[in-house]
Amino acid sequence: MAQLARPPGLPASLEGILNLTGRAVPVLRLDRLLALPEQPTGLYSMLILLNGIAKDRIAILVDRVNEILSIPENAFLPVAGDHSFNACAEAAVSVRGEIAHVLSPARILLEKERETLSQVQAMAERRLQDWNLEEL
């Protein structure tokens, strides 16, 4: 597990800030954000990087990754908007007889949460730039 900065005052669903080659990447906990049973974090906790949610990119903390699949779009099954929080499940797919939900990175957060996350990310970016020792 990568070391995360945890400035005071972060919301509970924000685990911390990852310094990824000098860029501040917020790390979200979907278990807390979606009110799921809390998963413990540990040495081998995994982060999945996503683009297009905040200013640049975010990471989500997950308890496990079973495998990475390439699913053709015609295999996506529709999901009714009222069957998931903020309609964040945009589709479902059948994988070896089990249903897996496909989350929309743009819909994981509410608009106000995205705005707040962008502000936190900008603050963390400024702090990283202030401490950039490569310029000395």
Protein backbone atom coordinates (compact mmCIF):
# COMPACT_ATOMS: atom_id res chain seq x y z
CA MET A 1 0.00 0.00 0.00
CA ALA A 2 1.35 3.38 -0.96
CA GLN A 3 1.87 5.94 1.79
CA LEU A 4 -0.87 8.57 1.79
CA ALA A 5 -0.86 12.08 3.19
CA ARG A 6 -3.85 12.74 5.43
CA PRO A 7 -4.23 16.48 6.08
CA PRO A 8 -6.66 17.34 8.89
CA GLY A 9 -10.30 17.94 8.02
CA LEU A 10 -10.66 15.42 5.18
CA PRO A 11 -14.07 13.78 4.82
CA ALA A 12 -14.24 10.15 5.98
CA SER A 13 -14.71 8.87 2.42
CA LEU A 14 -11.36 10.40 1.42
CA GLU A 15 -8.62 8.08 2.68
CA GLY A 16 -5.83 10.50 1.83
CA ILE A 17 -3.69 12.02 -0.91
CA LEU A 18 -1.25 9.95 -2.98
CA ASN A 19 1.88 11.66 -4.31
CA LEU A 20 2.12 10.09 -7.77
CA THR A 21 5.29 11.43 -9.40
CA GLY A 22 4.66 14.89 -8.00
CA ARG A 23 0.91 14.94 -8.70
CA ALA A 24 -1.66 14.94 -5.90
CA VAL A 25 -4.13 12.08 -6.40
CA PRO A 26 -7.06 11.86 -3.96
CA VAL A 27 -7.81 8.32 -2.75
CA LEU A 28 -11.50 7.54 -2.18
CA ARG A 29 -12.95 4.74 -0.08
CA LEU A 30 -15.99 3.39 -1.90
CA ASP A 31 -16.99 1.33 1.13
CA ARG A 32 -17.54 4.52 3.13
CA LEU A 33 -18.85 6.58 0.24
CA LEU A 34 -21.51 4.00 -0.67
CA ALA A 35 -22.25 2.94 2.95
CA LEU A 36 -20.96 -0.61 2.41
CA PRO A 37 -19.42 -2.74 5.17
CA GLU A 38 -16.04 -1.18 5.97
CA GLN A 39 -13.04 -3.07 4.65
CA PRO A 40 -9.76 -3.02 6.56
CA THR A 41 -6.71 -1.56 4.83
CA GLY A 42 -3.33 -3.18 4.98
CA LEU A 43 0.02 -3.65 3.37
CA TYR A 44 -1.48 -5.14 0.20
CA SER A 45 -4.51 -2.87 -0.21
CA MET A 46 -4.92 -1.90 -3.84
CA LEU A 47 -5.58 1.40 -5.56
CA ILE A 48 -7.26 1.76 -8.94
CA LEU A 49 -6.49 4.99 -10.79
CA LEU A 50 -9.39 6.66 -12.60
CA ASN A 51 -9.42 9.66 -14.92
CA GLY A 52 -12.11 12.27 -15.35
CA ILE A 53 -13.65 12.72 -11.90
CA ALA A 54 -11.78 15.58 -10.30
CA LYS A 55 -9.26 18.06 -11.70
CA ASP A 56 -6.97 15.33 -12.95
CA ARG A 57 -7.41 11.82 -11.66
CA ILE A 58 -8.40 9.99 -8.51
CA ALA A 59 -7.75 6.60 -7.04
CA ILE A 60 -10.20 4.30 -5.35
CA LEU A 61 -9.16 1.99 -2.54
CA VAL A 62 -10.45 -1.54 -3.11
CA ASP A 63 -10.26 -4.63 -0.93
CA ARG A 64 -9.32 -6.91 -3.84
CA VAL A 65 -9.04 -7.25 -7.60
CA ASN A 66 -10.01 -10.67 -8.92
CA GLU A 67 -9.09 -10.03 -12.53
CA ILE A 68 -9.15 -7.41 -15.26
CA LEU A 69 -11.55 -8.12 -18.09
CA SER A 70 -12.21 -6.63 -21.48
CA ILE A 71 -15.97 -6.69 -22.01
CA PRO A 72 -17.56 -5.81 -25.36
CA GLU A 73 -20.13 -3.01 -25.12
CA ASN A 74 -22.90 -5.22 -26.49
CA ALA A 75 -22.57 -7.41 -23.35
CA PHE A 76 -23.57 -4.52 -21.06
CA LEU A 77 -27.03 -4.89 -19.55
CA PRO A 78 -28.99 -1.76 -18.62
CA VAL A 79 -29.42 -0.81 -14.97
CA ALA A 80 -32.35 1.36 -13.90
CA GLY A 81 -31.13 4.72 -12.57
CA ASP A 82 -33.08 4.34 -9.34
CA HIS A 83 -31.33 1.04 -8.55
CA SER A 84 -28.01 2.62 -7.56
CA PHE A 85 -26.76 5.62 -5.60
CA ASN A 86 -26.58 8.68 -7.89
CA ALA A 87 -27.11 6.25 -10.80
CA CYS A 88 -23.41 5.36 -10.48
CA ALA A 89 -24.02 1.81 -11.76
CA GLU A 90 -24.34 2.46 -15.46
CA ALA A 91 -24.49 -1.17 -16.57
CA ALA A 92 -24.27 -4.77 -15.45
CA VAL A 93 -22.41 -7.63 -17.06
CA SER A 94 -22.56 -11.37 -16.60
CA VAL A 95 -19.16 -12.84 -15.73
CA ARG A 96 -19.10 -16.64 -15.45
CA GLY A 97 -22.73 -16.67 -14.38
CA GLU A 98 -22.43 -13.87 -11.81
CA ILE A 99 -23.59 -10.28 -12.26
CA ALA A 100 -20.96 -7.52 -11.91
CA HIS A 101 -21.93 -3.86 -11.91
CA VAL A 102 -20.04 -1.33 -14.02
CA LEU A 103 -19.60 1.94 -12.15
CA SER A 104 -19.45 5.27 -13.94
CA PRO A 105 -16.43 7.19 -12.60
CA ALA A 106 -18.22 10.48 -13.36
CA ARG A 107 -21.23 9.48 -11.22
CA ILE A 108 -19.48 8.06 -8.15
CA LEU A 109 -19.52 11.47 -6.50
CA LEU A 110 -22.28 14.04 -6.20
CA GLU A 111 -21.60 17.45 -7.80
CA LYS A 112 -20.82 19.09 -4.44
CA GLU A 113 -18.47 16.22 -3.55
CA ARG A 114 -16.64 16.66 -6.88
CA GLU A 115 -16.25 20.39 -6.22
CA THR A 116 -14.90 19.78 -2.71
CA LEU A 117 -12.57 17.06 -3.98
CA SER A 118 -11.20 19.40 -6.66
CA GLN A 119 -10.51 22.03 -3.98
CA VAL A 120 -8.71 19.51 -1.77
CA GLN A 121 -6.73 18.27 -4.76
CA ALA A 122 -5.70 21.82 -5.76
CA MET A 123 -4.56 22.52 -2.19
CA ALA A 124 -2.50 19.31 -2.15
CA GLU A 125 -1.00 20.20 -5.57
CA ARG A 126 0.09 23.61 -4.23
CA ARG A 127 1.66 21.98 -1.20
CA LEU A 128 3.58 19.49 -3.36
CA GLN A 129 4.80 22.32 -5.58
CA ASP A 130 5.95 24.30 -2.53
CA TRP A 131 8.05 21.32 -1.44
CA ASN A 132 9.41 20.49 -4.90
CA LEU A 133 13.13 20.22 -4.23
CA GLU A 134 14.05 19.29 -7.80
CA GLU A 135 14.14 22.98 -8.73
CA LEU A 136 16.93 23.76 -6.21
